[in-house]
Amino acid sequence: MKTTDATVLDEPKTHRGATEETIEPAIESRPRPTTGVREAKIYIDGKFYSEANAKVSVFDHGLLYGDGIFEGIRFYNGRVFRLQEHLERLWNSARSICLDIPMTRQEMTEALLETIRENHLREGYIRLVVTRGVGNLGLNPEQCKDPSVIIIAATIALYHEDFYRKGLSIVTVATRRSNPASLNPAVKSLNYLNNVMARIEANLASADEALMLNDAGNVAECTADNVFIIKHGQIFTPPTTAGALQGITRSVVFDIAGEFDIKVIEADFTRHDIF
């Protein structure tokens, strides 16, 4: 199914940001059923499975070793947000870990849009996963001949709406952000244990989020968010060299700030600068 088929899809929405023209792929205007409970349809390697039957092998190295990559992508009112940027980061992550994605970007786009259609969603969240594939219990990735692609579409509420009005509580945790020399933070890998441990510390402290520092004691990021502070009319954020993910939303903040002539400065800073 082609994304340009006007009989099936909305017309792609084009807008200009601070840097270049962006085209957001459109999703079919098929309303989600309002009655009954509809089981999710999961895309796995070219086929759709019910949620109950969506399974991966216990020998998949994505499960055994966290050997794989992923993207978390939002879509609003039938439009996938910054899809091309997400796919660019996905392919860059794959290249960094020597993982061959078994489809083209156009094929990935079609599969992603079709997953949303199959689930009759207009707004929600896409989890796009590429694993190393099935191997044996050994660590050597050469045993994994066929990488696996999994696409999940669902609704999601990251934060309660009150947090956007009143803010959220945050605690600085002992778990340090992984050293960029060990694993480049530009790689959005399946191994998120570093962030999970920080999240556990936040839970134990009854905090809404965790602030993670790097080995130098500078601010890196939160468990699932980039960090920004505003001082004297300027926006400050840690550089990726501090351990911050090259977030897609982070780049949007840069674009919007540029449109309003607000300076964004990437610089190392400490807890003192935040609190």
Protein backbone atom coordinates (compact mmCIF):
# COMPACT_ATOMS: atom_id res chain seq x y z
CA MET A 1 0.00 0.00 0.00
CA LYS A 2 1.55 3.28 -1.11
CA THR A 3 1.61 6.29 1.18
CA THR A 4 0.80 8.48 -1.82
CA ASP A 5 -2.49 6.68 -2.62
CA ALA A 6 -4.97 9.54 -2.16
CA THR A 7 -7.93 7.14 -2.14
CA VAL A 8 -6.62 5.52 1.02
CA LEU A 9 -4.57 8.16 2.79
CA ASP A 10 -4.83 11.77 3.78
CA GLU A 11 -2.61 14.07 1.77
CA PRO A 12 0.86 14.33 3.33
CA LYS A 13 1.22 17.46 5.42
CA THR A 14 4.08 19.78 4.49
CA HIS A 15 5.46 22.49 6.74
CA ARG A 16 8.67 24.46 6.99
CA GLY A 17 10.69 24.51 10.16
CA ALA A 18 13.76 26.52 11.04
CA THR A 19 16.05 24.38 8.93
CA GLU A 20 14.35 22.51 6.12
CA GLU A 21 11.04 21.37 4.76
CA THR A 22 9.49 18.45 6.59
CA ILE A 23 6.88 16.07 5.18
CA GLU A 24 4.94 14.08 7.74
CA PRO A 25 3.52 10.82 6.33
CA ALA A 26 -0.23 10.59 6.59
CA ILE A 27 -2.24 7.72 7.99
CA GLU A 28 -5.48 6.43 6.54
CA SER A 29 -8.57 8.22 7.86
CA ARG A 30 -10.07 5.03 9.22
CA PRO A 31 -11.79 5.69 12.58
CA ARG A 32 -11.03 3.49 15.54
CA PRO A 33 -14.05 1.39 16.59
CA THR A 34 -15.85 2.95 19.55
CA THR A 35 -17.46 -0.24 20.85
CA GLY A 36 -15.91 -3.41 22.16
CA VAL A 37 -12.29 -4.18 22.98
CA ARG A 38 -10.00 -4.57 20.01
CA GLU A 39 -6.88 -6.68 20.43
CA ALA A 40 -3.67 -5.06 19.24
CA LYS A 41 -2.08 -6.23 15.99
CA ILE A 42 1.71 -6.56 16.16
CA TYR A 43 3.95 -6.50 13.09
CA ILE A 44 6.73 -9.10 13.16
CA ASP A 45 8.90 -9.66 10.09
CA GLY A 46 6.28 -8.91 7.46
CA LYS A 47 3.22 -10.42 9.15
CA PHE A 48 0.63 -9.23 11.66
CA TYR A 49 -0.14 -11.21 14.79
CA SER A 50 -2.68 -10.76 17.53
CA GLU A 51 -1.24 -9.52 20.80
CA ALA A 52 -1.68 -12.98 22.32
CA ASN A 53 0.17 -14.67 19.45
CA ALA A 54 2.96 -12.13 18.92
CA LYS A 55 6.08 -14.02 19.99
CA VAL A 56 9.83 -13.98 19.47
CA SER A 57 12.32 -16.80 19.86
CA VAL A 58 14.00 -17.29 23.23
CA PHE A 59 17.23 -17.46 21.20
CA ASP A 60 16.81 -13.97 19.73
CA HIS A 61 19.87 -11.98 20.76
CA GLY A 62 17.66 -8.96 21.35
CA LEU A 63 16.21 -10.92 24.28
CA LEU A 64 19.38 -12.71 25.37
CA TYR A 65 21.78 -9.76 25.20
CA GLY A 66 19.82 -6.59 24.48
CA ASP A 67 21.46 -6.74 21.05
CA GLY A 68 19.32 -4.49 18.91
CA ILE A 69 17.98 -0.98 18.46
CA PHE A 70 14.66 0.81 18.70
CA GLU A 71 12.79 4.04 18.15
CA GLY A 72 9.84 5.50 20.05
CA ILE A 73 7.72 7.52 17.62
CA ARG A 74 4.58 9.57 18.25
CA PHE A 75 1.73 10.19 15.84
CA TYR A 76 -0.93 12.86 16.21
CA ASN A 77 -4.21 13.28 14.33
CA GLY A 78 -3.16 10.81 11.68
CA ARG A 79 0.34 12.22 11.18
CA VAL A 80 3.57 10.50 12.16
CA PHE A 81 5.81 13.04 13.88
CA ARG A 82 9.29 13.49 12.43
CA LEU A 83 9.32 10.01 10.92
CA GLN A 84 12.26 10.60 8.60
CA GLU A 85 14.40 11.87 11.48
CA HIS A 86 13.51 8.78 13.51
CA LEU A 87 14.38 6.49 10.61
CA GLU A 88 17.65 8.34 10.07
CA ARG A 89 18.58 7.76 13.71
CA LEU A 90 17.49 4.11 13.48
CA TRP A 91 19.72 3.49 10.47
CA ASN A 92 22.60 5.35 12.11
CA SER A 93 22.21 3.22 15.24
CA ALA A 94 22.18 0.07 13.11
CA ARG A 95 25.35 1.12 11.31
CA SER A 96 27.07 1.84 14.63
CA ILE A 97 26.47 -1.70 15.90
CA CYS A 98 27.04 -3.40 12.51
CA LEU A 99 23.40 -4.45 12.19
CA ASP A 100 21.83 -4.77 8.74
CA ILE A 101 18.18 -3.70 8.75
CA PRO A 102 16.43 -6.22 6.45
CA MET A 103 14.29 -3.69 4.57
CA THR A 104 14.53 -0.32 2.89
CA ARG A 105 13.43 2.92 4.52
CA GLN A 106 10.43 3.07 2.20
CA GLU A 107 9.45 -0.48 3.15
CA MET A 108 9.87 0.41 6.81
CA THR A 109 7.66 3.47 6.35
CA GLU A 110 4.94 1.38 4.70
CA ALA A 111 5.13 -1.28 7.42
CA LEU A 112 4.90 1.35 10.15
CA LEU A 113 1.90 3.09 8.60
CA GLU A 114 0.15 -0.20 7.96
CA THR A 115 0.64 -1.17 11.61
CA ILE A 116 -1.14 2.01 12.66
CA ARG A 117 -3.95 1.30 10.18
CA GLU A 118 -4.34 -2.28 11.39
CA ASN A 119 -4.83 -0.95 14.92
CA HIS A 120 -7.32 1.74 13.84
CA LEU A 121 -5.43 4.49 15.65
CA ARG A 122 -5.26 8.21 14.90
CA GLU A 123 -3.07 9.21 17.84
CA GLY A 124 -0.59 7.16 19.79
CA TYR A 125 2.88 5.73 20.01
CA ILE A 126 4.94 3.45 17.79
CA ARG A 127 7.67 1.21 19.17
CA LEU A 128 9.92 0.21 16.28
CA VAL A 129 12.40 -2.55 17.18
CA VAL A 130 15.16 -4.23 15.18
CA THR A 131 16.90 -7.15 16.89
CA ARG A 132 20.03 -9.02 15.85
CA GLY A 133 17.80 -12.05 15.34
CA VAL A 134 17.90 -15.69 16.32
CA GLY A 135 21.28 -17.21 17.16
CA ASN A 136 22.52 -19.58 19.82
CA LEU A 137 23.42 -19.02 23.46
CA GLY A 138 26.85 -17.76 22.47
CA LEU A 139 27.65 -14.06 22.35
CA ASN A 140 29.02 -14.07 18.79
CA PRO A 141 26.55 -12.14 16.57
CA GLU A 142 27.75 -14.02 13.49
CA GLN A 143 25.38 -16.78 14.56
CA CYS A 144 22.44 -14.43 13.93
CA LYS A 145 21.69 -14.61 10.21
CA ASP A 146 18.33 -12.83 9.98
CA PRO A 147 17.64 -9.60 11.91
CA SER A 148 14.06 -9.23 13.09
CA VAL A 149 11.75 -6.20 12.77
CA ILE A 150 8.94 -5.65 15.27
CA ILE A 151 6.46 -2.75 15.16
CA ILE A 152 3.96 -2.07 17.94
CA ALA A 153 1.31 0.67 17.79
CA ALA A 154 -0.48 1.67 20.98
CA THR A 155 -1.89 4.56 22.93
CA ILE A 156 0.37 6.01 25.59
CA ALA A 157 0.30 8.68 28.28
CA LEU A 158 3.85 9.45 29.34
CA TYR A 159 2.87 11.95 32.02
CA HIS A 160 -0.37 12.99 33.68
CA GLU A 161 -1.66 16.31 32.39
CA ASP A 162 -1.13 17.88 35.84
CA PHE A 163 2.62 17.50 35.39
CA TYR A 164 2.54 19.86 32.42
CA ARG A 165 0.91 22.55 34.57
CA LYS A 166 2.51 22.01 37.97
CA GLY A 167 5.79 20.31 37.09
CA LEU A 168 7.14 17.03 38.43
CA SER A 169 9.47 16.01 41.23
CA ILE A 170 12.99 14.95 40.32
CA VAL A 171 15.82 13.34 42.25
CA THR A 172 19.51 13.06 41.39
CA VAL A 173 20.40 9.37 41.44
CA ALA A 174 23.63 7.50 42.13
CA THR A 175 23.45 5.55 38.86
CA ARG A 176 25.71 7.33 36.39
CA ARG A 177 24.98 7.62 32.70
CA SER A 178 26.93 5.07 30.66
CA ASN A 179 30.27 6.44 29.54
CA PRO A 180 30.13 7.50 25.85
CA ALA A 181 33.46 5.73 25.38
CA SER A 182 31.71 2.45 26.24
CA LEU A 183 28.57 2.92 24.17
CA ASN A 184 27.88 6.01 22.11
CA PRO A 185 24.69 7.70 23.42
CA ALA A 186 23.72 8.29 19.78
CA VAL A 187 22.91 4.55 19.63
CA LYS A 188 19.37 3.93 20.88
CA SER A 189 19.98 0.34 21.86
CA LEU A 190 17.71 -2.26 23.44
CA ASN A 191 20.00 -2.44 26.46
CA TYR A 192 18.35 0.18 28.67
CA LEU A 193 19.41 -1.28 32.02
CA ASN A 194 21.37 1.87 32.84
CA ASN A 195 18.19 3.94 32.59
CA VAL A 196 16.07 1.27 34.30
CA MET A 197 18.32 1.28 37.37
CA ALA A 198 18.04 5.06 37.57
CA ARG A 199 14.26 4.74 37.27
CA ILE A 200 14.23 2.26 40.16
CA GLU A 201 16.13 4.76 42.31
CA ALA A 202 13.55 7.42 41.47
CA ASN A 203 10.73 5.03 42.40
CA LEU A 204 12.37 4.26 45.74
CA ALA A 205 12.63 7.99 46.42
CA SER A 206 8.97 8.52 45.38
CA ALA A 207 10.14 10.92 42.68
CA ASP A 208 8.58 11.37 39.25
CA GLU A 209 11.90 11.34 37.36
CA ALA A 210 15.61 10.80 37.87
CA LEU A 211 18.42 13.15 36.94
CA MET A 212 21.46 11.22 35.73
CA LEU A 213 25.00 12.55 35.92
CA ASN A 214 27.99 11.36 33.91
CA ASP A 215 31.36 10.17 35.21
CA ALA A 216 32.57 13.78 35.42
CA GLY A 217 29.66 14.74 37.66
CA ASN A 218 27.97 16.82 34.97
CA VAL A 219 24.31 16.53 34.04
CA ALA A 220 23.66 14.05 31.21
CA GLU A 221 19.91 13.43 30.95
CA CYS A 222 16.93 11.92 32.73
CA THR A 223 15.83 8.30 32.37
CA ALA A 224 13.72 9.00 29.29
CA ASP A 225 14.11 12.72 28.68
CA ASN A 226 16.63 15.29 27.59
CA VAL A 227 17.29 18.10 30.06
CA PHE A 228 16.93 21.82 29.39
CA ILE A 229 17.28 24.79 31.73
CA ILE A 230 16.34 28.40 31.01
CA LYS A 231 18.45 31.22 32.41
CA HIS A 232 18.59 34.88 31.42
CA GLY A 233 16.44 34.28 28.35
CA GLN A 234 18.69 31.51 27.02
CA ILE A 235 18.21 27.74 26.88
CA PHE A 236 20.98 25.44 28.07
CA THR A 237 21.20 21.70 27.45
CA PRO A 238 23.98 19.11 27.89
CA PRO A 239 25.92 18.20 24.74
CA THR A 240 25.74 14.65 23.43
CA THR A 241 29.37 14.23 24.54
CA ALA A 242 28.07 14.45 28.13
CA GLY A 243 26.01 11.31 27.55
CA ALA A 244 22.79 12.90 26.31
CA LEU A 245 20.79 11.16 23.62
CA GLN A 246 20.49 13.01 20.32
CA GLY A 247 16.76 13.30 20.92
CA ILE A 248 14.33 14.05 18.10
CA THR A 249 12.25 16.27 20.38
CA ARG A 250 15.51 17.89 21.46
CA SER A 251 16.14 18.91 17.86
CA VAL A 252 12.59 20.28 17.64
CA VAL A 253 13.30 22.51 20.64
CA PHE A 254 16.37 23.80 18.78
CA ASP A 255 14.24 24.52 15.69
CA ILE A 256 11.46 26.31 17.56
CA ALA A 257 13.92 28.34 19.62
CA GLY A 258 15.64 29.42 16.41
CA GLU A 259 12.34 30.62 14.95
CA PHE A 260 11.92 32.91 17.98
CA ASP A 261 15.58 34.00 18.03
CA ILE A 262 16.14 32.28 21.37
CA LYS A 263 19.70 31.08 21.79
CA VAL A 264 20.26 27.41 22.66
CA ILE A 265 23.63 26.66 24.23
CA GLU A 266 25.05 23.15 24.50
CA ALA A 267 27.28 23.19 27.56
CA ASP A 268 28.33 21.07 30.50
CA PHE A 269 26.64 22.00 33.75
CA THR A 270 26.18 20.53 37.22
CA ARG A 271 23.37 19.97 39.71
CA HIS A 272 24.19 23.39 41.15
CA ASP A 273 23.18 25.04 37.87
CA ILE A 274 19.78 23.30 37.94
CA PHE A 275 18.78 23.63 41.57
